Amino acid sequence: MPEARLEDLGSGLTPVTQGWFVVNVRDAEWWFAESRGGRCAFENEYGDRPVDFAQVGINVTVLEPGQTTLYHAESNQEAFLVLAGECVVVVEDVERRLRSWDFFHSPPWTEHAFAGAGEGPCVILMAGARTGPGVRYPVSEVAARYGASVAEATSDWRRAFASVERFRRERPPSWPRLPWA
């Protein structure tokens, strides 16, 4: 297997060819949205020729207080490790506060979303499989209190994210306060 070629497309290094590579989180490509926080996926899912991880998706997500992920359930298990800061996970309509080094295991079809909490950025390592029938986005009153629920249940990601702010290639404003800065 050849080494992948990495290029900076505006907010850090991302693979532009298939293959193995090594990149530091501080040097990797980042995406940001005011309502959704920062995200480093290590892939190049939006490239002219996307370079996706076919079997396992992994990313580092940074949520400031008030920033959220979208309440959803996936056909595969997922794993989440809070590396720094605090957040709330809404899981099956139950709120749980998570702090540094708390781990959340999400079996297949477990409904969940994250919301930044505490005084500063929360850094979460997220991992999940890339096979199976997909994702569903249920309505949740608890997740809606954080702005993390769809208005109408769907399995179509385009409908779920139609009114959600899109990510743009940019590092999060909290960059200087993050562990790798």
C-alpha atoms as a PDB file:
ATOM      1  CA  MET A   1       0.000   0.000   0.000  1.00  0.00           C
ATOM      2  CA  PRO A   2       1.500   3.367  -0.988  1.00  0.00           C
ATOM      3  CA  GLU A   3       1.666   6.411   1.256  1.00  0.00           C
ATOM      4  CA  ALA A   4      -1.162   8.902   0.658  1.00  0.00           C
ATOM      5  CA  ARG A   5      -0.327  12.405  -0.534  1.00  0.00           C
ATOM      6  CA  LEU A   6      -1.515  15.110   1.902  1.00  0.00           C
ATOM      7  CA  GLU A   7      -2.340  18.663   0.818  1.00  0.00           C
ATOM      8  CA  ASP A   8      -3.577  21.777   2.588  1.00  0.00           C
ATOM      9  CA  LEU A   9      -6.901  22.736   0.995  1.00  0.00           C
ATOM     10  CA  GLY A  10      -7.466  25.690   3.304  1.00  0.00           C
ATOM     11  CA  SER A  11      -7.576  24.568   6.931  1.00  0.00           C
ATOM     12  CA  GLY A  12      -4.931  21.870   7.325  1.00  0.00           C
ATOM     13  CA  LEU A  13      -3.600  18.723   5.719  1.00  0.00           C
ATOM     14  CA  THR A  14      -5.995  16.196   4.173  1.00  0.00           C
ATOM     15  CA  PRO A  15      -5.374  13.096   2.024  1.00  0.00           C
ATOM     16  CA  VAL A  16      -5.849  13.636  -1.700  1.00  0.00           C
ATOM     17  CA  THR A  17      -4.859  10.084  -2.678  1.00  0.00           C
ATOM     18  CA  GLN A  18      -5.595   6.703  -1.107  1.00  0.00           C
ATOM     19  CA  GLY A  19      -3.014   5.072   1.162  1.00  0.00           C
ATOM     20  CA  TRP A  20      -1.562   5.190   4.640  1.00  0.00           C
ATOM     21  CA  PHE A  21      -0.529   8.458   6.287  1.00  0.00           C
ATOM     22  CA  VAL A  22       0.470  10.085   9.559  1.00  0.00           C
ATOM     23  CA  VAL A  23      -0.788  13.547  10.513  1.00  0.00           C
ATOM     24  CA  ASN A  24      -0.932  15.433  13.806  1.00  0.00           C
ATOM     25  CA  VAL A  25      -4.331  16.785  14.907  1.00  0.00           C
ATOM     26  CA  ARG A  26      -2.908  20.324  14.971  1.00  0.00           C
ATOM     27  CA  ASP A  27      -1.816  19.974  11.318  1.00  0.00           C
ATOM     28  CA  ALA A  28      -4.899  18.110   9.981  1.00  0.00           C
ATOM     29  CA  GLU A  29      -7.827  19.646   8.119  1.00  0.00           C
ATOM     30  CA  TRP A  30     -10.580  21.150  10.283  1.00  0.00           C
ATOM     31  CA  TRP A  31     -14.194  22.063   9.580  1.00  0.00           C
ATOM     32  CA  PHE A  32     -16.267  24.510  11.625  1.00  0.00           C
ATOM     33  CA  ALA A  33     -19.864  25.756  12.006  1.00  0.00           C
ATOM     34  CA  GLU A  34     -21.021  28.225  14.682  1.00  0.00           C
ATOM     35  CA  SER A  35     -23.824  25.936  15.880  1.00  0.00           C
ATOM     36  CA  ARG A  36     -22.025  22.604  15.382  1.00  0.00           C
ATOM     37  CA  GLY A  37     -18.484  23.279  16.585  1.00  0.00           C
ATOM     38  CA  GLY A  38     -15.224  22.080  15.052  1.00  0.00           C
ATOM     39  CA  ARG A  39     -14.495  18.734  13.446  1.00  0.00           C
ATOM     40  CA  CYS A  40     -11.336  16.983  12.292  1.00  0.00           C
ATOM     41  CA  ALA A  41     -12.255  13.797  10.397  1.00  0.00           C
ATOM     42  CA  PHE A  42      -8.791  12.976   8.993  1.00  0.00           C
ATOM     43  CA  GLU A  43     -10.537  12.076   5.717  1.00  0.00           C
ATOM     44  CA  ASN A  44     -11.201  14.206   2.657  1.00  0.00           C
ATOM     45  CA  GLU A  45     -14.910  13.529   2.335  1.00  0.00           C
ATOM     46  CA  TYR A  46     -15.612  16.752   0.404  1.00  0.00           C
ATOM     47  CA  GLY A  47     -12.694  16.605  -2.035  1.00  0.00           C
ATOM     48  CA  ASP A  48     -12.915  16.560  -5.825  1.00  0.00           C
ATOM     49  CA  ARG A  49     -12.114  12.866  -5.471  1.00  0.00           C
ATOM     50  CA  PRO A  50     -13.164  12.045  -1.900  1.00  0.00           C
ATOM     51  CA  VAL A  51     -10.815   9.963   0.227  1.00  0.00           C
ATOM     52  CA  ASP A  52     -13.137   8.300   2.731  1.00  0.00           C
ATOM     53  CA  PHE A  53     -12.363   5.677   5.343  1.00  0.00           C
ATOM     54  CA  ALA A  54     -14.471   2.753   4.107  1.00  0.00           C
ATOM     55  CA  GLN A  55     -14.641   0.686   7.303  1.00  0.00           C
ATOM     56  CA  VAL A  56     -14.137   2.916  10.353  1.00  0.00           C
ATOM     57  CA  GLY A  57     -14.905   6.604  10.704  1.00  0.00           C
ATOM     58  CA  ILE A  58     -12.984   8.528  13.334  1.00  0.00           C
ATOM     59  CA  ASN A  59     -12.950  12.202  14.178  1.00  0.00           C
ATOM     60  CA  VAL A  60     -12.095  14.709  16.853  1.00  0.00           C
ATOM     61  CA  THR A  61     -14.994  17.052  17.580  1.00  0.00           C
ATOM     62  CA  VAL A  62     -14.746  20.295  19.568  1.00  0.00           C
ATOM     63  CA  LEU A  63     -17.953  21.672  21.076  1.00  0.00           C
ATOM     64  CA  GLU A  64     -18.194  24.992  22.898  1.00  0.00           C
ATOM     65  CA  PRO A  65     -21.094  25.464  25.340  1.00  0.00           C
ATOM     66  CA  GLY A  66     -24.289  25.607  23.276  1.00  0.00           C
ATOM     67  CA  GLN A  67     -22.882  23.825  20.207  1.00  0.00           C
ATOM     68  CA  THR A  68     -24.402  20.438  19.371  1.00  0.00           C
ATOM     69  CA  THR A  69     -24.406  17.369  17.210  1.00  0.00           C
ATOM     70  CA  LEU A  70     -27.737  16.200  15.732  1.00  0.00           C
ATOM     71  CA  TYR A  71     -29.795  13.603  17.653  1.00  0.00           C
ATOM     72  CA  HIS A  72     -29.613  10.356  15.697  1.00  0.00           C
ATOM     73  CA  ALA A  73     -29.254   6.570  15.847  1.00  0.00           C
ATOM     74  CA  GLU A  74     -26.936   4.521  13.618  1.00  0.00           C
ATOM     75  CA  SER A  75     -27.083   0.894  12.520  1.00  0.00           C
ATOM     76  CA  ASN A  76     -23.621   0.249  13.978  1.00  0.00           C
ATOM     77  CA  GLN A  77     -22.115   0.741  17.383  1.00  0.00           C
ATOM     78  CA  GLU A  78     -20.202   3.931  18.059  1.00  0.00           C
ATOM     79  CA  ALA A  79     -17.637   4.909  20.689  1.00  0.00           C
ATOM     80  CA  PHE A  80     -16.965   8.319  22.243  1.00  0.00           C
ATOM     81  CA  LEU A  81     -14.196   9.409  24.598  1.00  0.00           C
ATOM     82  CA  VAL A  82     -14.192  12.902  26.116  1.00  0.00           C
ATOM     83  CA  LEU A  83     -10.556  14.042  26.025  1.00  0.00           C
ATOM     84  CA  ALA A  84     -11.027  17.490  27.581  1.00  0.00           C
ATOM     85  CA  GLY A  85     -13.787  19.720  28.898  1.00  0.00           C
ATOM     86  CA  GLU A  86     -17.425  18.908  29.543  1.00  0.00           C
ATOM     87  CA  CYS A  87     -20.512  18.081  27.514  1.00  0.00           C
ATOM     88  CA  VAL A  88     -23.965  16.622  27.882  1.00  0.00           C
ATOM     89  CA  VAL A  89     -24.892  13.467  26.013  1.00  0.00           C
ATOM     90  CA  VAL A  90     -28.597  13.015  25.404  1.00  0.00           C
ATOM     91  CA  VAL A  91     -29.018   9.248  25.069  1.00  0.00           C
ATOM     92  CA  GLU A  92     -32.458   7.689  24.628  1.00  0.00           C
ATOM     93  CA  ASP A  93     -33.968  10.966  25.938  1.00  0.00           C
ATOM     94  CA  VAL A  94     -31.848  10.884  29.119  1.00  0.00           C
ATOM     95  CA  GLU A  95     -29.267  13.593  29.855  1.00  0.00           C
ATOM     96  CA  ARG A  96     -25.846  12.599  31.199  1.00  0.00           C
ATOM     97  CA  ARG A  97     -23.024  15.015  31.994  1.00  0.00           C
ATOM     98  CA  LEU A  98     -19.631  13.856  30.682  1.00  0.00           C
ATOM     99  CA  ARG A  99     -16.182  15.135  31.711  1.00  0.00           C
ATOM    100  CA  SER A 100     -12.611  14.429  30.633  1.00  0.00           C
ATOM    101  CA  TRP A 101     -11.921  10.721  30.234  1.00  0.00           C
ATOM    102  CA  ASP A 102     -15.590   9.679  30.370  1.00  0.00           C
ATOM    103  CA  PHE A 103     -16.380   7.042  27.743  1.00  0.00           C
ATOM    104  CA  PHE A 104     -19.790   6.537  26.102  1.00  0.00           C
ATOM    105  CA  HIS A 105     -20.525   3.273  24.273  1.00  0.00           C
ATOM    106  CA  SER A 106     -23.489   3.487  21.890  1.00  0.00           C
ATOM    107  CA  PRO A 107     -24.815   0.091  20.713  1.00  0.00           C
ATOM    108  CA  PRO A 108     -26.528  -0.068  17.301  1.00  0.00           C
ATOM    109  CA  TRP A 109     -29.693   2.066  17.027  1.00  0.00           C
ATOM    110  CA  THR A 110     -29.060   3.935  20.304  1.00  0.00           C
ATOM    111  CA  GLU A 111     -30.419   7.480  19.945  1.00  0.00           C
ATOM    112  CA  HIS A 112     -27.925  10.144  21.005  1.00  0.00           C
ATOM    113  CA  ALA A 113     -26.508  13.653  20.555  1.00  0.00           C
ATOM    114  CA  PHE A 114     -23.880  15.807  22.274  1.00  0.00           C
ATOM    115  CA  ALA A 115     -24.068  19.392  23.507  1.00  0.00           C
ATOM    116  CA  GLY A 116     -21.112  21.436  24.705  1.00  0.00           C
ATOM    117  CA  ALA A 117     -21.331  22.390  28.397  1.00  0.00           C
ATOM    118  CA  GLY A 118     -19.098  23.793  31.113  1.00  0.00           C
ATOM    119  CA  GLU A 119     -16.801  26.799  30.838  1.00  0.00           C
ATOM    120  CA  GLY A 120     -14.881  26.095  27.639  1.00  0.00           C
ATOM    121  CA  PRO A 121     -14.337  23.739  24.735  1.00  0.00           C
ATOM    122  CA  CYS A 122     -15.105  20.035  25.010  1.00  0.00           C
ATOM    123  CA  VAL A 123     -12.934  17.702  22.917  1.00  0.00           C
ATOM    124  CA  ILE A 124     -14.468  14.330  21.975  1.00  0.00           C
ATOM    125  CA  LEU A 125     -12.846  11.451  20.090  1.00  0.00           C
ATOM    126  CA  MET A 126     -15.603   9.756  18.040  1.00  0.00           C
ATOM    127  CA  ALA A 127     -15.392   6.398  16.229  1.00  0.00           C
ATOM    128  CA  GLY A 128     -17.868   4.209  14.363  1.00  0.00           C
ATOM    129  CA  ALA A 129     -18.236   1.632  11.603  1.00  0.00           C
ATOM    130  CA  ARG A 130     -19.151   2.605   8.044  1.00  0.00           C
ATOM    131  CA  THR A 131     -21.322  -0.325   6.995  1.00  0.00           C
ATOM    132  CA  GLY A 132     -24.967  -1.180   7.546  1.00  0.00           C
ATOM    133  CA  PRO A 133     -28.351   0.169   6.584  1.00  0.00           C
ATOM    134  CA  GLY A 134     -27.784   3.695   7.807  1.00  0.00           C
ATOM    135  CA  VAL A 135     -28.957   6.361  10.201  1.00  0.00           C
ATOM    136  CA  ARG A 136     -32.282   7.618  11.504  1.00  0.00           C
ATOM    137  CA  TYR A 137     -33.022  11.030  12.980  1.00  0.00           C
ATOM    138  CA  PRO A 138     -35.859  10.786  15.565  1.00  0.00           C
ATOM    139  CA  VAL A 139     -37.650  13.700  17.195  1.00  0.00           C
ATOM    140  CA  SER A 140     -36.599  14.244  20.824  1.00  0.00           C
ATOM    141  CA  GLU A 141     -37.993  16.851  23.210  1.00  0.00           C
ATOM    142  CA  VAL A 142     -34.921  16.515  25.432  1.00  0.00           C
ATOM    143  CA  ALA A 143     -32.495  16.982  22.507  1.00  0.00           C
ATOM    144  CA  ALA A 144     -34.628  19.877  21.235  1.00  0.00           C
ATOM    145  CA  ARG A 145     -33.895  21.799  24.459  1.00  0.00           C
ATOM    146  CA  TYR A 146     -30.280  21.889  23.223  1.00  0.00           C
ATOM    147  CA  GLY A 147     -31.220  22.611  19.593  1.00  0.00           C
ATOM    148  CA  ALA A 148     -30.131  19.079  18.628  1.00  0.00           C
ATOM    149  CA  SER A 149     -33.397  17.504  17.375  1.00  0.00           C
ATOM    150  CA  VAL A 150     -35.024  17.403  13.971  1.00  0.00           C
ATOM    151  CA  ALA A 151     -38.570  18.794  13.747  1.00  0.00           C
ATOM    152  CA  GLU A 152     -39.805  15.718  11.864  1.00  0.00           C
ATOM    153  CA  ALA A 153     -38.371  12.188  12.062  1.00  0.00           C
ATOM    154  CA  THR A 154     -36.486  11.032   8.970  1.00  0.00           C
ATOM    155  CA  SER A 155     -33.887   8.574   7.704  1.00  0.00           C
ATOM    156  CA  ASP A 156     -32.805  10.965   4.949  1.00  0.00           C
ATOM    157  CA  TRP A 157     -29.685  12.878   5.998  1.00  0.00           C
ATOM    158  CA  ARG A 158     -30.474  15.599   3.433  1.00  0.00           C
ATOM    159  CA  ARG A 159     -33.805  16.346   5.157  1.00  0.00           C
ATOM    160  CA  ALA A 160     -32.265  16.076   8.638  1.00  0.00           C
ATOM    161  CA  PHE A 161     -29.528  18.586   7.820  1.00  0.00           C
ATOM    162  CA  ALA A 162     -31.587  20.856   5.510  1.00  0.00           C
ATOM    163  CA  SER A 163     -31.939  23.551   8.165  1.00  0.00           C
ATOM    164  CA  VAL A 164     -28.639  22.844   9.950  1.00  0.00           C
ATOM    165  CA  GLU A 165     -25.676  25.149   9.417  1.00  0.00           C
ATOM    166  CA  ARG A 166     -23.092  23.664   7.038  1.00  0.00           C
ATOM    167  CA  PHE A 167     -19.472  23.139   8.013  1.00  0.00           C
ATOM    168  CA  ARG A 168     -16.809  25.257   6.299  1.00  0.00           C
ATOM    169  CA  ARG A 169     -13.047  24.658   6.097  1.00  0.00           C
ATOM    170  CA  GLU A 170     -11.900  26.536   9.160  1.00  0.00           C
ATOM    171  CA  ARG A 171     -10.355  25.901  12.534  1.00  0.00           C
ATOM    172  CA  PRO A 172     -12.604  26.585  15.544  1.00  0.00           C
ATOM    173  CA  PRO A 173     -12.202  29.976  17.280  1.00  0.00           C
ATOM    174  CA  SER A 174     -11.235  28.119  20.486  1.00  0.00           C
ATOM    175  CA  TRP A 175      -8.090  26.841  18.704  1.00  0.00           C
ATOM    176  CA  PRO A 176      -5.565  28.566  21.040  1.00  0.00           C
ATOM    177  CA  ARG A 177      -7.237  26.917  24.074  1.00  0.00           C
ATOM    178  CA  LEU A 178      -7.204  23.349  22.701  1.00  0.00           C
ATOM    179  CA  PRO A 179      -4.818  20.691  24.106  1.00  0.00           C
ATOM    180  CA  TRP A 180      -2.668  20.452  20.947  1.00  0.00           C
ATOM    181  CA  ALA A 181      -2.323  24.189  20.255  1.00  0.00           C
END
